[in-house]
N, C-alpha and C. Protein backbone atom coordinates (compact mmCIF):
# COMPACT_ATOMS: atom_id res chain seq x y z
N MET A 1 10.02 180.04 -63.11
CA MET A 1 8.66 180.17 -62.63
C MET A 1 8.46 179.17 -61.49
N ASP A 2 7.93 179.65 -60.38
CA ASP A 2 7.72 178.74 -59.26
C ASP A 2 6.40 177.98 -59.44
N LYS A 3 6.17 177.02 -58.57
CA LYS A 3 5.00 176.14 -58.66
C LYS A 3 3.68 176.92 -58.58
N ILE A 4 3.61 177.90 -57.70
CA ILE A 4 2.38 178.70 -57.55
C ILE A 4 2.09 179.45 -58.84
N GLU A 5 3.10 180.07 -59.43
CA GLU A 5 2.88 180.79 -60.69
C GLU A 5 2.44 179.85 -61.80
N GLN A 6 3.02 178.66 -61.85
CA GLN A 6 2.66 177.68 -62.86
C GLN A 6 1.20 177.24 -62.69
N LEU A 7 0.80 176.96 -61.47
CA LEU A 7 -0.58 176.56 -61.21
C LEU A 7 -1.56 177.69 -61.51
N THR A 8 -1.17 178.92 -61.19
CA THR A 8 -2.03 180.07 -61.48
C THR A 8 -2.23 180.21 -62.97
N ARG A 9 -1.16 180.06 -63.74
CA ARG A 9 -1.27 180.16 -65.19
C ARG A 9 -2.18 179.06 -65.74
N GLN A 10 -2.04 177.85 -65.25
CA GLN A 10 -2.88 176.75 -65.70
C GLN A 10 -4.35 177.00 -65.37
N ARG A 11 -4.60 177.52 -64.18
CA ARG A 11 -5.98 177.82 -63.78
C ARG A 11 -6.56 178.91 -64.68
N LYS A 12 -5.79 179.94 -64.97
CA LYS A 12 -6.27 181.01 -65.86
C LYS A 12 -6.59 180.45 -67.24
N GLN A 13 -5.74 179.58 -67.76
CA GLN A 13 -5.98 179.00 -69.08
C GLN A 13 -7.24 178.15 -69.09
N ALA A 14 -7.47 177.38 -68.04
CA ALA A 14 -8.66 176.54 -67.96
C ALA A 14 -9.92 177.39 -67.91
N HIS A 15 -9.91 178.44 -67.11
CA HIS A 15 -11.07 179.32 -67.02
C HIS A 15 -11.28 180.06 -68.33
N GLN A 16 -10.22 180.45 -68.99
CA GLN A 16 -10.35 181.18 -70.26
C GLN A 16 -11.03 180.31 -71.31
N LYS A 17 -10.74 179.02 -71.33
CA LYS A 17 -11.39 178.11 -72.28
C LYS A 17 -12.90 178.10 -72.06
N LEU A 18 -13.32 178.09 -70.80
CA LEU A 18 -14.76 178.13 -70.50
C LEU A 18 -15.37 179.44 -70.96
N LEU A 19 -14.68 180.54 -70.70
CA LEU A 19 -15.19 181.85 -71.09
C LEU A 19 -15.30 181.95 -72.61
N ASP A 20 -14.28 181.47 -73.31
CA ASP A 20 -14.27 181.53 -74.77
C ASP A 20 -15.39 180.69 -75.37
N ALA A 21 -15.75 179.60 -74.72
CA ALA A 21 -16.81 178.72 -75.21
C ALA A 21 -18.20 179.30 -74.97
N GLY A 22 -18.29 180.34 -74.15
CA GLY A 22 -19.57 180.96 -73.86
C GLY A 22 -20.45 180.11 -72.97
N LEU A 23 -19.85 179.20 -72.23
CA LEU A 23 -20.61 178.33 -71.35
C LEU A 23 -20.94 179.03 -70.03
N PRO A 24 -22.07 178.69 -69.43
CA PRO A 24 -22.35 179.24 -68.10
C PRO A 24 -21.34 178.70 -67.10
N VAL A 25 -20.90 179.54 -66.20
CA VAL A 25 -19.87 179.16 -65.24
C VAL A 25 -20.28 179.64 -63.85
N ILE A 26 -20.11 178.79 -62.88
CA ILE A 26 -20.28 179.19 -61.48
C ILE A 26 -18.88 179.32 -60.89
N LEU A 27 -18.55 180.50 -60.44
CA LEU A 27 -17.22 180.75 -59.89
C LEU A 27 -17.28 180.76 -58.37
N THR A 28 -16.39 180.03 -57.77
CA THR A 28 -16.24 180.05 -56.32
C THR A 28 -14.75 180.12 -56.01
N THR A 29 -14.43 180.66 -54.88
CA THR A 29 -13.02 180.72 -54.50
C THR A 29 -12.59 179.38 -53.92
N PRO A 30 -11.43 178.91 -54.30
CA PRO A 30 -10.95 177.62 -53.79
C PRO A 30 -10.25 177.78 -52.44
N THR A 31 -10.96 178.39 -51.50
CA THR A 31 -10.32 178.72 -50.22
C THR A 31 -10.90 177.99 -49.03
N TRP A 32 -11.91 177.17 -49.24
CA TRP A 32 -12.63 176.58 -48.11
C TRP A 32 -11.76 175.69 -47.24
N ARG A 33 -10.70 175.11 -47.79
CA ARG A 33 -9.82 174.27 -46.98
C ARG A 33 -8.53 174.99 -46.60
N ALA A 34 -8.36 176.17 -47.10
CA ALA A 34 -7.11 176.89 -46.85
C ALA A 34 -7.24 177.78 -45.61
N ASN A 35 -7.46 177.14 -44.48
CA ASN A 35 -7.53 177.92 -43.25
C ASN A 35 -6.11 178.28 -42.80
N ARG A 36 -5.99 179.10 -41.79
CA ARG A 36 -4.69 179.61 -41.36
C ARG A 36 -3.70 178.49 -41.03
N GLN A 37 -4.17 177.47 -40.33
CA GLN A 37 -3.28 176.38 -39.95
C GLN A 37 -2.74 175.63 -41.17
N ARG A 38 -3.59 175.37 -42.12
CA ARG A 38 -3.14 174.66 -43.33
C ARG A 38 -2.21 175.52 -44.18
N VAL A 39 -2.51 176.80 -44.27
CA VAL A 39 -1.64 177.69 -45.04
C VAL A 39 -0.25 177.75 -44.40
N GLU A 40 -0.20 177.92 -43.09
CA GLU A 40 1.08 177.96 -42.39
C GLU A 40 1.85 176.66 -42.57
N ALA A 41 1.16 175.52 -42.47
CA ALA A 41 1.82 174.23 -42.62
C ALA A 41 2.32 173.99 -44.04
N SER A 42 1.68 174.62 -45.03
CA SER A 42 2.06 174.40 -46.42
C SER A 42 3.34 175.14 -46.81
N GLY A 43 3.67 176.18 -46.04
CA GLY A 43 4.85 176.96 -46.37
C GLY A 43 4.64 177.98 -47.48
N THR A 44 3.40 178.11 -47.94
CA THR A 44 3.11 179.11 -48.98
C THR A 44 2.92 180.48 -48.33
N HIS A 45 2.77 181.49 -49.13
CA HIS A 45 2.62 182.83 -48.56
C HIS A 45 1.25 183.00 -47.92
N SER A 46 1.19 183.82 -46.93
CA SER A 46 -0.03 183.94 -46.11
C SER A 46 -1.19 184.62 -46.84
N ALA A 47 -0.95 185.28 -47.97
CA ALA A 47 -2.01 185.98 -48.69
C ALA A 47 -2.64 185.12 -49.78
N ILE A 48 -2.45 183.82 -49.71
CA ILE A 48 -2.96 182.96 -50.79
C ILE A 48 -4.47 183.05 -50.94
N ASN A 49 -5.21 183.17 -49.85
CA ASN A 49 -6.66 183.31 -49.95
C ASN A 49 -7.06 184.63 -50.59
N GLN A 50 -6.37 185.69 -50.23
CA GLN A 50 -6.65 186.99 -50.86
C GLN A 50 -6.34 186.92 -52.35
N ASP A 51 -5.27 186.23 -52.72
CA ASP A 51 -4.93 186.07 -54.14
C ASP A 51 -6.03 185.31 -54.87
N ALA A 52 -6.56 184.25 -54.24
CA ALA A 52 -7.62 183.46 -54.87
C ALA A 52 -8.88 184.30 -55.08
N VAL A 53 -9.23 185.09 -54.10
CA VAL A 53 -10.41 185.96 -54.23
C VAL A 53 -10.18 187.00 -55.32
N GLY A 54 -9.00 187.59 -55.36
CA GLY A 54 -8.69 188.56 -56.41
C GLY A 54 -8.75 187.94 -57.80
N PHE A 55 -8.26 186.72 -57.93
CA PHE A 55 -8.29 186.00 -59.20
C PHE A 55 -9.73 185.79 -59.66
N MET A 56 -10.58 185.31 -58.76
CA MET A 56 -11.97 185.06 -59.12
C MET A 56 -12.75 186.36 -59.35
N THR A 57 -12.44 187.39 -58.62
CA THR A 57 -13.09 188.68 -58.83
C THR A 57 -12.77 189.22 -60.22
N ALA A 58 -11.52 189.08 -60.63
CA ALA A 58 -11.12 189.54 -61.97
C ALA A 58 -11.86 188.75 -63.04
N LEU A 59 -12.03 187.44 -62.85
CA LEU A 59 -12.80 186.66 -63.82
C LEU A 59 -14.26 187.10 -63.83
N ARG A 60 -14.83 187.26 -62.66
CA ARG A 60 -16.23 187.68 -62.56
C ARG A 60 -16.47 188.99 -63.29
N ASP A 61 -15.55 189.91 -63.14
CA ASP A 61 -15.72 191.23 -63.74
C ASP A 61 -15.67 191.20 -65.26
N ARG A 62 -15.16 190.11 -65.82
CA ARG A 62 -15.11 189.98 -67.27
C ARG A 62 -16.31 189.26 -67.85
N LEU A 63 -17.18 188.74 -66.99
CA LEU A 63 -18.32 187.95 -67.45
C LEU A 63 -19.61 188.75 -67.42
N PRO A 64 -20.51 188.45 -68.36
CA PRO A 64 -21.86 189.02 -68.24
C PRO A 64 -22.55 188.34 -67.08
N THR A 65 -23.44 189.04 -66.42
CA THR A 65 -24.15 188.45 -65.29
C THR A 65 -25.50 187.89 -65.76
N TRP A 66 -25.97 186.91 -65.04
CA TRP A 66 -27.24 186.29 -65.33
C TRP A 66 -28.09 186.36 -64.09
N GLN A 67 -29.35 186.71 -64.28
CA GLN A 67 -30.26 186.76 -63.15
C GLN A 67 -31.53 186.03 -63.53
N SER A 68 -32.04 185.25 -62.60
CA SER A 68 -33.28 184.54 -62.88
C SER A 68 -34.47 185.49 -62.71
N GLY A 69 -35.58 185.09 -63.30
CA GLY A 69 -36.79 185.84 -63.08
C GLY A 69 -37.16 186.65 -64.20
């Protein structure tokens, strides 16, 4: 298992604990610093931001939504 897969698994486990606890969660994509220049310099694959969005979208789709008012 490479480092990215290991980190992804750890992130999924951490989010699952929050979901299992029934706690309110604010989900955001961790992409704000991963601009093109930083991604290229890191040597990781260029679709890392798309992967992050897909990961968070999958989590969102499993959660009930809350609306104020």
